[in-house]
N, C-alpha and C. Protein backbone atom coordinates (compact mmCIF):
# COMPACT_ATOMS: atom_id res chain seq x y z
N MET A 1 -20.43 -22.10 8.95
CA MET A 1 -19.40 -22.21 10.20
C MET A 1 -18.49 -23.21 9.79
N GLY A 2 -17.35 -23.06 9.83
CA GLY A 2 -16.22 -24.11 9.55
C GLY A 2 -15.89 -25.04 10.71
N SER A 3 -14.84 -25.89 10.30
CA SER A 3 -14.62 -26.84 11.42
C SER A 3 -13.85 -26.18 12.59
N PHE A 4 -13.66 -26.79 13.52
CA PHE A 4 -13.13 -26.16 14.83
C PHE A 4 -11.65 -26.79 14.98
N SER A 5 -10.60 -26.23 14.99
CA SER A 5 -9.47 -26.72 14.99
C SER A 5 -8.99 -27.02 16.57
N GLU A 6 -7.89 -27.89 16.50
CA GLU A 6 -7.19 -27.85 17.88
C GLU A 6 -6.79 -26.91 18.45
N LYS A 7 -6.31 -25.89 17.58
CA LYS A 7 -5.69 -24.60 18.05
C LYS A 7 -6.74 -23.82 18.89
N GLN A 8 -7.88 -23.67 18.09
CA GLN A 8 -8.98 -22.99 18.60
C GLN A 8 -9.49 -23.42 19.90
N GLU A 9 -9.53 -24.91 19.96
CA GLU A 9 -10.10 -25.46 21.30
C GLU A 9 -9.12 -25.05 22.43
N ALA A 10 -7.84 -25.20 22.22
CA ALA A 10 -6.77 -24.92 23.03
C ALA A 10 -6.82 -23.31 23.46
N LEU A 11 -7.17 -22.56 22.79
CA LEU A 11 -7.29 -21.04 22.98
C LEU A 11 -8.54 -20.90 23.81
N VAL A 12 -9.78 -21.53 23.55
CA VAL A 12 -10.86 -21.44 24.42
C VAL A 12 -10.64 -21.98 25.94
N LYS A 13 -9.93 -23.36 25.93
CA LYS A 13 -9.45 -23.74 27.06
C LYS A 13 -8.73 -23.08 27.99
N GLU A 14 -7.52 -22.41 27.28
CA GLU A 14 -6.61 -21.45 27.82
C GLU A 14 -7.23 -20.26 28.61
N SER A 15 -8.06 -19.53 27.84
CA SER A 15 -8.79 -18.40 28.15
C SER A 15 -9.83 -18.80 29.47
N TRP A 16 -10.42 -19.66 29.16
CA TRP A 16 -11.39 -20.16 30.27
C TRP A 16 -10.72 -20.41 31.58
N GLU A 17 -9.45 -20.90 31.60
CA GLU A 17 -8.65 -21.30 32.81
C GLU A 17 -8.31 -19.81 33.37
N ILE A 18 -8.12 -18.90 32.75
CA ILE A 18 -7.75 -17.59 33.36
C ILE A 18 -9.10 -16.95 33.80
N ILE A 19 -10.19 -16.89 32.98
CA ILE A 19 -11.23 -16.13 33.56
C ILE A 19 -12.15 -16.83 34.66
N ARG A 20 -12.00 -18.19 34.65
CA ARG A 20 -13.00 -18.88 35.63
C ARG A 20 -12.59 -18.41 37.03
N HIS A 21 -11.44 -17.99 37.26
CA HIS A 21 -11.12 -17.58 38.71
C HIS A 21 -11.63 -16.27 38.98
N ASN A 22 -12.16 -15.77 38.07
CA ASN A 22 -12.71 -14.27 38.23
C ASN A 22 -14.24 -14.12 37.94
N ILE A 23 -14.95 -15.38 38.08
CA ILE A 23 -16.24 -15.43 37.68
C ILE A 23 -17.18 -14.35 38.35
N PRO A 24 -17.20 -14.29 39.58
CA PRO A 24 -18.11 -13.26 40.19
C PRO A 24 -18.18 -11.91 39.41
N GLU A 25 -16.92 -11.30 39.24
CA GLU A 25 -16.85 -9.98 38.68
C GLU A 25 -17.15 -10.07 37.22
N LEU A 26 -16.62 -11.01 36.51
CA LEU A 26 -17.02 -11.12 35.05
C LEU A 26 -18.35 -11.48 34.54
N SER A 27 -19.13 -12.15 35.52
CA SER A 27 -20.47 -12.51 35.20
C SER A 27 -21.24 -11.20 35.39
N LEU A 28 -20.88 -10.27 36.35
CA LEU A 28 -21.54 -9.05 36.56
C LEU A 28 -21.16 -8.16 35.30
N ARG A 29 -19.87 -8.14 34.81
CA ARG A 29 -19.63 -7.23 33.72
C ARG A 29 -20.22 -7.74 32.61
N PHE A 30 -20.47 -9.13 32.23
CA PHE A 30 -21.27 -9.78 31.25
C PHE A 30 -22.68 -9.15 31.18
N PHE A 31 -23.28 -9.26 32.16
CA PHE A 31 -24.53 -8.74 32.33
C PHE A 31 -24.76 -7.35 32.14
N THR A 32 -23.84 -6.42 32.61
CA THR A 32 -23.74 -5.00 32.49
C THR A 32 -23.68 -4.76 30.97
N LEU A 33 -22.60 -5.32 30.27
CA LEU A 33 -22.49 -5.31 28.70
C LEU A 33 -23.82 -5.65 28.02
N ILE A 34 -24.44 -6.62 28.33
CA ILE A 34 -25.76 -7.07 27.89
C ILE A 34 -26.66 -5.99 27.64
N LEU A 35 -26.93 -5.37 28.92
CA LEU A 35 -27.97 -4.36 29.25
C LEU A 35 -27.31 -2.91 28.61
N GLU A 36 -26.21 -2.72 28.47
CA GLU A 36 -25.50 -1.56 27.82
C GLU A 36 -25.95 -1.69 26.24
N ILE A 37 -25.79 -2.80 25.63
CA ILE A 37 -26.01 -2.96 24.30
C ILE A 37 -27.42 -2.89 24.10
N ALA A 38 -28.38 -3.63 24.90
CA ALA A 38 -29.63 -3.86 24.72
C ALA A 38 -30.43 -3.66 26.07
N PRO A 39 -30.70 -2.34 26.35
CA PRO A 39 -31.30 -2.08 27.79
C PRO A 39 -32.61 -2.98 27.98
N ALA A 40 -33.28 -3.19 26.78
CA ALA A 40 -34.64 -3.80 26.85
C ALA A 40 -34.60 -5.14 27.35
N ALA A 41 -33.28 -5.89 27.20
CA ALA A 41 -33.30 -7.17 27.59
C ALA A 41 -33.48 -7.47 29.03
N LYS A 42 -33.52 -6.41 29.87
CA LYS A 42 -33.62 -6.44 31.25
C LYS A 42 -34.88 -7.37 31.76
N LYS A 43 -35.94 -6.92 31.14
CA LYS A 43 -37.22 -7.57 31.42
C LYS A 43 -37.14 -9.08 31.06
N MET A 44 -36.35 -9.61 30.37
CA MET A 44 -36.38 -10.92 30.03
C MET A 44 -35.90 -11.92 30.87
N PHE A 45 -35.01 -11.28 32.04
CA PHE A 45 -34.32 -12.04 32.92
C PHE A 45 -35.29 -11.76 34.36
N SER A 46 -35.76 -12.95 34.82
CA SER A 46 -36.65 -12.86 35.94
C SER A 46 -35.89 -12.25 37.17
N PHE A 47 -34.44 -12.54 37.21
CA PHE A 47 -33.87 -11.90 38.44
C PHE A 47 -33.38 -10.54 38.26
N LEU A 48 -33.75 -9.91 37.12
CA LEU A 48 -33.35 -8.48 37.13
C LEU A 48 -34.55 -7.67 36.76
N LYS A 49 -35.72 -8.23 36.55
CA LYS A 49 -36.94 -7.42 36.15
C LYS A 49 -37.38 -6.37 37.19
N ASP A 50 -37.32 -6.70 38.42
CA ASP A 50 -37.71 -5.71 39.45
C ASP A 50 -36.70 -4.87 40.14
N THR A 51 -35.71 -4.74 39.25
CA THR A 51 -34.70 -3.80 40.10
C THR A 51 -34.22 -2.62 38.96
N ASP A 52 -33.84 -1.57 39.49
CA ASP A 52 -33.38 -0.56 38.51
C ASP A 52 -31.87 -0.72 38.37
N GLU A 53 -31.32 -1.59 39.05
CA GLU A 53 -29.56 -1.66 38.73
C GLU A 53 -29.55 -3.10 38.77
N ILE A 54 -28.25 -3.52 38.28
CA ILE A 54 -27.97 -4.90 38.41
C ILE A 54 -27.35 -5.18 39.59
N PRO A 55 -28.13 -6.29 40.40
CA PRO A 55 -27.91 -6.48 41.86
C PRO A 55 -26.36 -7.29 41.92
N HIS A 56 -25.53 -6.58 42.50
CA HIS A 56 -24.15 -7.00 42.62
C HIS A 56 -23.91 -8.38 43.07
N ASN A 57 -24.71 -8.69 44.12
CA ASN A 57 -24.36 -10.10 44.57
C ASN A 57 -25.49 -11.07 44.35
N ASN A 58 -26.29 -10.86 43.06
CA ASN A 58 -27.24 -11.74 42.73
C ASN A 58 -26.83 -13.09 42.26
N PRO A 59 -27.05 -14.15 43.29
CA PRO A 59 -26.63 -15.41 42.86
C PRO A 59 -27.18 -15.96 41.52
N LYS A 60 -28.37 -15.66 41.18
CA LYS A 60 -29.05 -16.07 39.90
C LYS A 60 -28.35 -15.59 38.81
N LEU A 61 -27.88 -14.44 38.96
CA LEU A 61 -27.34 -13.67 37.74
C LEU A 61 -25.94 -14.22 37.68
N LYS A 62 -25.18 -14.51 38.64
CA LYS A 62 -23.86 -15.24 38.50
C LYS A 62 -24.06 -16.68 38.00
N ALA A 63 -25.00 -17.30 38.35
CA ALA A 63 -25.29 -18.62 37.89
C ALA A 63 -25.48 -18.81 36.44
N HIS A 64 -26.42 -17.80 36.03
CA HIS A 64 -26.67 -17.83 34.57
C HIS A 64 -25.57 -17.37 33.78
N ALA A 65 -24.55 -16.41 34.05
CA ALA A 65 -23.67 -16.03 33.22
C ALA A 65 -22.57 -17.26 33.17
N VAL A 66 -22.39 -17.88 34.36
CA VAL A 66 -21.43 -19.08 34.46
C VAL A 66 -21.80 -20.05 33.50
N LYS A 67 -23.13 -20.23 33.31
CA LYS A 67 -23.77 -21.26 32.36
C LYS A 67 -23.42 -20.82 31.00
N VAL A 68 -23.52 -19.83 30.74
CA VAL A 68 -23.26 -19.23 29.20
C VAL A 68 -21.74 -19.47 28.96
N PHE A 69 -20.91 -18.90 29.95
CA PHE A 69 -19.43 -19.06 29.71
C PHE A 69 -18.90 -20.49 29.63
N LYS A 70 -19.58 -21.34 30.54
CA LYS A 70 -19.09 -22.84 30.45
C LYS A 70 -19.68 -23.70 29.31
N MET A 71 -20.99 -23.21 29.00
CA MET A 71 -21.40 -23.95 27.78
C MET A 71 -20.80 -23.72 26.58
N THR A 72 -20.40 -22.32 26.42
CA THR A 72 -19.54 -22.05 25.13
C THR A 72 -18.30 -22.73 25.24
N CYS A 73 -17.79 -22.65 26.24
CA CYS A 73 -16.26 -23.40 26.45
C CYS A 73 -16.55 -24.92 26.27
N GLU A 74 -17.58 -25.58 26.92
CA GLU A 74 -17.83 -27.03 26.60
C GLU A 74 -18.02 -27.21 25.06
N SER A 75 -18.93 -26.42 24.62
CA SER A 75 -19.16 -26.48 23.22
C SER A 75 -17.90 -26.54 22.29
N ALA A 76 -16.93 -25.66 22.79
CA ALA A 76 -15.60 -25.60 21.89
C ALA A 76 -15.13 -27.01 21.87
N ILE A 77 -14.95 -27.54 23.08
CA ILE A 77 -14.20 -28.82 23.36
C ILE A 77 -15.04 -29.99 22.58
N GLN A 78 -16.33 -30.10 22.60
CA GLN A 78 -17.21 -30.97 21.77
C GLN A 78 -17.03 -30.59 20.15
N LEU A 79 -16.98 -29.45 19.94
CA LEU A 79 -16.78 -29.22 18.52
C LEU A 79 -15.54 -29.83 17.85
N HIS A 80 -14.39 -29.52 18.69
CA HIS A 80 -13.21 -30.12 18.19
C HIS A 80 -13.13 -31.76 18.26
N GLU A 81 -13.76 -32.25 19.31
CA GLU A 81 -13.62 -33.73 19.52
C GLU A 81 -14.69 -34.56 18.49
N LYS A 82 -15.89 -33.91 18.56
CA LYS A 82 -17.04 -34.58 17.93
C LYS A 82 -17.42 -33.92 16.63
N GLY A 83 -17.11 -32.80 16.21
CA GLY A 83 -17.46 -32.09 15.12
C GLY A 83 -18.89 -31.36 15.09
N GLU A 84 -19.42 -31.48 16.41
CA GLU A 84 -20.91 -30.94 16.56
C GLU A 84 -20.99 -30.48 18.00
N VAL A 85 -22.13 -29.79 18.09
CA VAL A 85 -22.52 -29.34 19.58
C VAL A 85 -23.02 -30.42 20.16
N VAL A 86 -22.58 -30.89 21.21
CA VAL A 86 -23.29 -31.91 22.04
C VAL A 86 -23.41 -31.45 23.45
N VAL A 87 -24.68 -31.04 23.66
CA VAL A 87 -25.05 -30.76 25.20
C VAL A 87 -26.12 -31.95 25.27
N GLY A 88 -26.29 -32.30 26.56
CA GLY A 88 -27.19 -33.36 26.81
C GLY A 88 -28.49 -33.18 26.12
N GLU A 89 -29.21 -33.96 25.41
CA GLU A 89 -30.34 -33.88 24.54
C GLU A 89 -31.27 -33.04 25.28
N THR A 90 -31.64 -33.43 26.47
CA THR A 90 -32.63 -32.72 27.20
C THR A 90 -32.21 -31.23 27.40
N THR A 91 -30.87 -30.99 27.65
CA THR A 91 -30.61 -29.67 27.79
C THR A 91 -30.86 -28.86 26.67
N LEU A 92 -30.41 -29.25 25.51
CA LEU A 92 -30.76 -28.53 24.24
C LEU A 92 -32.25 -28.24 24.08
N LYS A 93 -33.08 -29.36 24.40
CA LYS A 93 -34.41 -29.12 24.10
C LYS A 93 -34.96 -28.19 25.20
N TRP A 94 -34.57 -28.33 26.36
CA TRP A 94 -34.87 -27.39 27.52
C TRP A 94 -34.57 -25.99 27.30
N LEU A 95 -33.26 -25.71 26.86
CA LEU A 95 -32.65 -24.50 26.42
C LEU A 95 -33.47 -23.89 25.35
N GLY A 96 -33.82 -24.46 24.50
CA GLY A 96 -34.69 -24.08 23.29
C GLY A 96 -36.03 -23.70 23.88
N SER A 97 -36.68 -24.48 24.55
CA SER A 97 -38.06 -24.17 25.20
C SER A 97 -38.02 -22.96 26.05
N ILE A 98 -37.03 -22.80 26.87
CA ILE A 98 -37.11 -21.74 27.84
C ILE A 98 -36.84 -20.39 27.11
N HIS A 99 -35.79 -20.46 26.21
CA HIS A 99 -35.50 -19.32 25.37
C HIS A 99 -36.80 -18.76 24.47
N LEU A 100 -37.58 -19.81 23.97
CA LEU A 100 -38.74 -19.43 23.27
C LEU A 100 -39.63 -18.82 24.09
N GLN A 101 -39.98 -19.39 25.30
CA GLN A 101 -40.89 -18.97 26.27
C GLN A 101 -40.60 -17.50 26.72
N LYS A 102 -39.32 -17.19 26.86
CA LYS A 102 -38.90 -15.91 27.19
C LYS A 102 -38.93 -14.89 26.07
N GLY A 103 -39.36 -15.42 24.96
CA GLY A 103 -39.39 -14.20 23.84
C GLY A 103 -37.98 -14.04 23.10
N VAL A 104 -37.12 -14.75 23.27
CA VAL A 104 -35.93 -14.74 22.82
C VAL A 104 -35.78 -14.73 21.34
N ILE A 105 -35.44 -13.86 20.48
CA ILE A 105 -35.30 -13.80 19.02
C ILE A 105 -33.85 -13.82 18.53
N ASP A 106 -33.76 -13.92 17.32
CA ASP A 106 -32.45 -14.09 16.68
C ASP A 106 -31.47 -13.07 17.10
N PRO A 107 -31.82 -11.62 16.90
CA PRO A 107 -30.92 -10.73 17.40
C PRO A 107 -30.21 -10.69 18.95
N HIS A 108 -31.13 -11.44 19.77
CA HIS A 108 -30.74 -11.29 21.05
C HIS A 108 -29.32 -12.13 21.06
N PHE A 109 -29.33 -13.22 20.36
CA PHE A 109 -28.05 -14.08 20.40
C PHE A 109 -26.80 -13.34 20.01
N GLU A 110 -27.02 -12.35 19.11
CA GLU A 110 -26.04 -11.45 18.64
C GLU A 110 -25.45 -10.57 19.74
N VAL A 111 -26.44 -10.03 20.51
CA VAL A 111 -26.09 -9.14 21.73
C VAL A 111 -25.40 -10.02 22.81
N VAL A 112 -25.71 -11.01 23.11
CA VAL A 112 -24.99 -11.96 24.01
C VAL A 112 -23.53 -12.43 23.69
N LYS A 113 -23.67 -12.52 22.28
CA LYS A 113 -22.30 -12.97 21.61
C LYS A 113 -21.30 -11.81 21.70
N GLU A 114 -21.76 -10.62 21.55
CA GLU A 114 -20.84 -9.44 21.62
C GLU A 114 -20.33 -9.36 22.95
N ALA A 115 -21.39 -9.34 23.96
CA ALA A 115 -21.21 -9.24 25.50
C ALA A 115 -20.21 -10.17 25.95
N LEU A 116 -20.31 -11.45 25.52
CA LEU A 116 -19.46 -12.63 25.79
C LEU A 116 -18.18 -12.40 25.28
N LEU A 117 -17.94 -11.95 24.07
CA LEU A 117 -16.50 -11.62 23.65
C LEU A 117 -15.79 -10.58 24.20
N ARG A 118 -16.61 -9.41 24.57
CA ARG A 118 -15.89 -8.49 25.23
C ARG A 118 -15.53 -8.84 26.53
N THR A 119 -16.52 -9.70 27.28
CA THR A 119 -16.08 -9.98 28.60
C THR A 119 -14.86 -10.97 28.63
N VAL A 120 -14.65 -11.81 27.70
CA VAL A 120 -13.60 -12.78 27.66
C VAL A 120 -12.29 -11.84 27.21
N GLN A 121 -12.61 -10.92 26.34
CA GLN A 121 -11.34 -10.06 26.17
C GLN A 121 -10.72 -9.25 27.24
N GLU A 122 -11.71 -8.71 28.16
CA GLU A 122 -11.37 -7.99 29.28
C GLU A 122 -10.83 -8.96 30.30
N GLY A 123 -11.51 -10.20 30.33
CA GLY A 123 -10.98 -11.00 31.44
C GLY A 123 -9.74 -11.61 31.20
N THR A 124 -9.19 -11.83 29.84
CA THR A 124 -7.94 -12.40 29.74
C THR A 124 -6.79 -11.48 29.49
N GLY A 125 -7.12 -10.05 29.38
CA GLY A 125 -6.06 -9.01 29.43
C GLY A 125 -5.21 -9.21 28.30
N ASP A 126 -3.82 -9.21 28.68
CA ASP A 126 -2.75 -9.31 27.58
C ASP A 126 -2.74 -10.59 27.04
N LYS A 127 -3.29 -11.57 27.26
CA LYS A 127 -3.40 -12.99 26.69
C LYS A 127 -4.36 -12.93 25.64
N TRP A 128 -5.20 -12.01 25.59
CA TRP A 128 -6.24 -11.90 24.50
C TRP A 128 -5.69 -11.84 22.95
N SER A 129 -6.12 -12.38 22.03
CA SER A 129 -5.77 -12.29 20.86
C SER A 129 -6.93 -12.30 19.84
N GLU A 130 -6.68 -11.86 18.64
CA GLU A 130 -7.72 -11.90 17.57
C GLU A 130 -8.07 -13.43 17.34
N GLU A 131 -7.09 -14.18 17.49
CA GLU A 131 -7.42 -15.73 17.23
C GLU A 131 -8.35 -16.42 18.34
N MET A 132 -8.02 -15.89 19.63
CA MET A 132 -8.66 -16.37 20.68
C MET A 132 -10.24 -15.87 20.58
N ASN A 133 -10.42 -14.66 20.22
CA ASN A 133 -11.68 -14.00 19.92
C ASN A 133 -12.53 -14.90 18.90
N GLY A 134 -11.85 -15.09 17.71
CA GLY A 134 -12.37 -15.98 16.78
C GLY A 134 -12.93 -17.31 17.16
N ALA A 135 -12.03 -17.91 17.97
CA ALA A 135 -12.35 -19.37 18.64
C ALA A 135 -13.55 -19.24 19.57
N TRP A 136 -13.75 -18.41 20.34
CA TRP A 136 -14.90 -18.05 21.07
C TRP A 136 -16.09 -17.97 20.35
N ALA A 137 -15.92 -16.92 19.27
CA ALA A 137 -17.17 -16.47 18.32
C ALA A 137 -17.46 -17.81 17.67
N GLU A 138 -16.49 -18.58 17.17
CA GLU A 138 -16.92 -19.88 16.42
C GLU A 138 -17.79 -20.89 17.26
N ALA A 139 -17.19 -21.04 18.62
CA ALA A 139 -17.85 -21.85 19.53
C ALA A 139 -19.18 -21.41 19.91
N TYR A 140 -19.39 -20.03 20.18
CA TYR A 140 -20.76 -19.59 20.43
C TYR A 140 -21.73 -19.61 19.46
N ASP A 141 -21.24 -19.46 18.14
CA ASP A 141 -22.08 -19.55 17.01
C ASP A 141 -22.75 -20.79 16.68
N HIS A 142 -21.76 -21.89 16.99
CA HIS A 142 -22.41 -23.39 16.94
C HIS A 142 -23.30 -23.59 18.13
N LEU A 143 -23.11 -23.18 19.22
CA LEU A 143 -23.98 -23.43 20.39
C LEU A 143 -25.54 -22.73 20.11
N ALA A 144 -25.19 -21.31 19.80
CA ALA A 144 -26.44 -20.47 19.49
C ALA A 144 -27.24 -21.19 18.44
N THR A 145 -26.66 -21.80 17.19
CA THR A 145 -27.25 -22.36 16.22
C THR A 145 -28.04 -23.71 16.68
N ALA A 146 -27.47 -24.34 17.59
CA ALA A 146 -28.02 -25.63 17.99
C ALA A 146 -29.21 -25.21 18.96
N ILE A 147 -29.36 -24.32 19.78
CA ILE A 147 -30.34 -23.84 20.64
C ILE A 147 -31.40 -23.17 19.61
N LYS A 148 -31.17 -22.53 18.64
CA LYS A 148 -32.03 -21.87 17.84
C LYS A 148 -32.84 -23.01 16.84
N ASN A 149 -32.13 -23.98 16.61
CA ASN A 149 -32.73 -25.29 15.92
C ASN A 149 -33.80 -25.79 16.57
N GLU A 150 -33.59 -25.83 18.03
CA GLU A 150 -34.54 -26.45 18.90
C GLU A 150 -35.85 -25.31 19.03
N MET A 151 -35.51 -24.16 18.87
CA MET A 151 -36.34 -23.12 18.96
C MET A 151 -37.14 -22.89 17.51
N LYS A 152 -36.60 -23.57 16.43
CA LYS A 152 -37.11 -23.40 15.03
C LYS A 152 -37.20 -22.06 14.74
N ILE A 153 -36.14 -21.06 15.01
CA ILE A 153 -36.10 -19.65 14.70
C ILE A 153 -34.84 -19.51 13.40
């Protein structure tokens, strides 16, 4: 993973400003994509386990999706400013333990990444570019690596 440029940080911030106004719809899209790519992932989310469809107004689903979007975005800003992922110490440890407890393994991070990038692409419309995609991908990779380090996977 390379260093994160000012341009990349600006692209993530710019796209976040666009997509954050459409969070309910995009968070649903994000989970739909995760389950399209990996249907078995459904049982890993307590709020999806007991239903056959993605509940359209499930507040937990929305909250979880927003967390992923925001953390990736914040990760991008930290990467540029500090050169590393800085999420509160307890947060990273907690994220590590909860993902471990849920049985998350390496390939799952790739599924989420693909869903995230596709959601950002759809959410930003004609503002989307390969460069913007690359910036989100890089930020996500750094965040995922930091969480995996806590999980020791």
